[in-house]
Amino acid sequence: MWICAACGREFSKVDQHHFCGKLDSIGAYIEGQAEEVRPILEKIRETIRAAAPEAIEKISWSMPTFWQGGNLIHFAAFKKHIGLYPGGEATAAFAERLADYKTSKGAIRLPLGKPVDYQLITDIVRWRLENPA
């Protein structure tokens, strides 16, 4: 068990990546991340915004979230990847295009240090708009 000295939260992993404090916007979330990851997160935000211009930005489950009649997609930064969370139906529908990524039900890991396929993100978001959960 590890306790963060800054916020007092308990984690099972030592030095667990997390955000200390209360998040009130996607901008605040991005600003709280490592400097080298911020441009990627901002580009993901812009990509989702372009694909779903009517979606509302919010924080849900401590992650940046786009909401349109329900949670459309979440994303979050981790030590070695950026997680996208479009839901299980989306990962199943895009299984062929996601073959080179680690996935689990509803989650996609975009490894840091490799180019991000922003067109894939656009396509997933548009699919989610057409196929709400």
Protein backbone atom coordinates (compact mmCIF):
# COMPACT_ATOMS: atom_id res chain seq x y z
CA MET A 1 0.00 0.00 0.00
CA TRP A 2 1.29 3.45 -0.93
CA ILE A 3 -0.04 6.78 0.31
CA CYS A 4 0.56 9.92 -1.73
CA ALA A 5 2.25 12.51 0.49
CA ALA A 6 0.60 15.38 -1.41
CA CYS A 7 -3.07 14.33 -1.33
CA GLY A 8 -3.19 11.44 1.16
CA ARG A 9 -4.89 8.98 -1.22
CA GLU A 10 -4.00 5.30 -0.89
CA PHE A 11 -2.89 3.15 -3.84
CA SER A 12 -1.85 -0.45 -4.28
CA LYS A 13 1.11 0.53 -6.50
CA VAL A 14 4.04 2.60 -5.27
CA ASP A 15 4.23 6.00 -6.99
CA GLN A 16 0.83 5.40 -8.66
CA HIS A 17 0.20 8.06 -11.33
CA HIS A 18 -2.78 10.20 -10.32
CA PHE A 19 -3.98 13.76 -10.04
CA CYS A 20 -3.89 15.37 -6.63
CA GLY A 21 -6.77 17.72 -6.07
CA LYS A 22 -10.16 18.42 -7.55
CA LEU A 23 -10.40 18.73 -11.29
CA ASP A 24 -12.89 21.18 -12.72
CA SER A 25 -12.04 21.17 -16.43
CA ILE A 26 -10.21 19.30 -19.16
CA GLY A 27 -7.82 22.24 -19.39
CA ALA A 28 -6.92 21.86 -15.71
CA TYR A 29 -6.40 18.12 -16.20
CA ILE A 30 -4.04 18.70 -19.15
CA GLU A 31 -2.11 21.40 -17.26
CA GLY A 32 -1.55 18.94 -14.41
CA GLN A 33 0.15 16.39 -16.67
CA ALA A 34 3.81 16.06 -17.64
CA GLU A 35 4.98 18.77 -20.01
CA GLU A 36 5.87 16.32 -22.80
CA VAL A 37 2.38 14.76 -22.74
CA ARG A 38 0.36 17.99 -22.75
CA PRO A 39 0.55 18.62 -26.53
CA ILE A 40 -0.68 15.08 -27.24
CA LEU A 41 -3.57 15.45 -24.80
CA GLU A 42 -4.48 18.82 -26.28
CA LYS A 43 -4.44 17.36 -29.80
CA ILE A 44 -6.67 14.48 -28.66
CA ARG A 45 -9.03 17.05 -27.13
CA GLU A 46 -9.09 19.05 -30.37
CA THR A 47 -9.63 15.88 -32.41
CA ILE A 48 -12.61 14.82 -30.31
CA ARG A 49 -14.02 18.37 -30.31
CA ALA A 50 -13.83 18.48 -34.14
CA ALA A 51 -15.55 15.09 -34.46
CA ALA A 52 -18.23 15.92 -31.87
CA PRO A 53 -18.67 19.71 -31.84
CA GLU A 54 -21.90 19.55 -29.81
CA ALA A 55 -20.44 17.38 -27.05
CA ILE A 56 -19.98 18.86 -23.60
CA GLU A 57 -16.56 18.75 -21.98
CA LYS A 58 -16.48 17.60 -18.39
CA ILE A 59 -14.50 15.55 -15.89
CA SER A 60 -15.91 12.13 -15.06
CA TRP A 61 -14.11 9.41 -13.11
CA SER A 62 -11.25 11.97 -12.78
CA MET A 63 -10.75 11.83 -16.55
CA PRO A 64 -11.43 14.25 -19.39
CA THR A 65 -14.80 13.26 -20.80
CA PHE A 66 -16.91 14.29 -23.74
CA TRP A 67 -20.61 13.88 -23.06
CA GLN A 68 -23.48 13.97 -25.54
CA GLY A 69 -26.60 12.30 -24.19
CA GLY A 70 -24.23 10.06 -22.24
CA ASN A 71 -20.50 9.54 -21.92
CA LEU A 72 -19.13 9.59 -25.45
CA ILE A 73 -15.44 9.04 -24.74
CA HIS A 74 -12.95 9.51 -21.90
CA PHE A 75 -9.17 9.85 -22.13
CA ALA A 76 -6.39 9.90 -19.57
CA ALA A 77 -2.62 10.09 -19.35
CA PHE A 78 -0.59 7.36 -17.71
CA LYS A 79 3.13 6.72 -17.26
CA LYS A 80 3.61 4.80 -20.54
CA HIS A 81 0.40 5.37 -22.49
CA ILE A 82 -2.70 7.43 -23.03
CA GLY A 83 -5.91 5.58 -22.38
CA LEU A 84 -8.98 6.09 -24.55
CA TYR A 85 -12.28 4.81 -23.22
CA PRO A 86 -15.00 4.74 -25.89
CA GLY A 87 -16.81 1.68 -24.49
CA GLY A 88 -16.81 -2.03 -25.27
CA GLU A 89 -18.95 -1.84 -28.38
CA ALA A 90 -16.52 0.62 -29.97
CA THR A 91 -13.44 -1.48 -29.26
CA ALA A 92 -15.25 -4.49 -30.77
CA ALA A 93 -16.33 -2.52 -33.84
CA PHE A 94 -12.78 -1.26 -34.43
CA ALA A 95 -11.00 -4.49 -33.46
CA GLU A 96 -9.24 -4.83 -36.81
CA ARG A 97 -7.85 -1.29 -36.71
CA LEU A 98 -6.90 -1.74 -33.04
CA ALA A 99 -4.91 -4.93 -33.63
CA ASP A 100 -1.59 -3.14 -32.96
CA TYR A 101 -2.78 -1.69 -29.64
CA LYS A 102 -3.35 -3.19 -26.22
CA THR A 103 -7.07 -3.17 -25.59
CA SER A 104 -9.52 -4.45 -23.06
CA LYS A 105 -13.26 -4.17 -22.91
CA GLY A 106 -13.90 -0.51 -23.63
CA ALA A 107 -10.26 0.63 -23.31
CA ILE A 108 -7.49 1.38 -25.79
CA ARG A 109 -3.86 2.06 -24.84
CA LEU A 110 -2.01 4.51 -27.08
CA PRO A 111 1.67 3.99 -26.21
CA LEU A 112 3.67 7.13 -25.55
CA GLY A 113 6.63 7.50 -27.87
CA LYS A 114 4.69 6.25 -30.90
CA PRO A 115 2.68 8.40 -33.30
CA VAL A 116 -0.97 8.86 -32.35
CA ASP A 117 -3.50 7.90 -35.02
CA TYR A 118 -5.78 10.92 -34.71
CA GLN A 119 -7.89 9.74 -37.65
CA LEU A 120 -8.66 6.57 -35.70
CA ILE A 121 -9.82 8.71 -32.76
CA THR A 122 -12.01 10.77 -35.10
CA ASP A 123 -13.53 7.63 -36.59
CA ILE A 124 -14.22 6.12 -33.16
CA VAL A 125 -15.88 9.31 -31.91
CA ARG A 126 -18.05 9.58 -35.02
CA TRP A 127 -18.99 5.91 -34.64
CA ARG A 128 -19.92 6.53 -30.99
CA LEU A 129 -22.18 9.42 -32.05
CA GLU A 130 -23.98 7.08 -34.43
CA ASN A 131 -24.02 4.20 -31.92
CA PRO A 132 -24.72 5.60 -28.45
CA ALA A 133 -24.35 3.14 -25.60
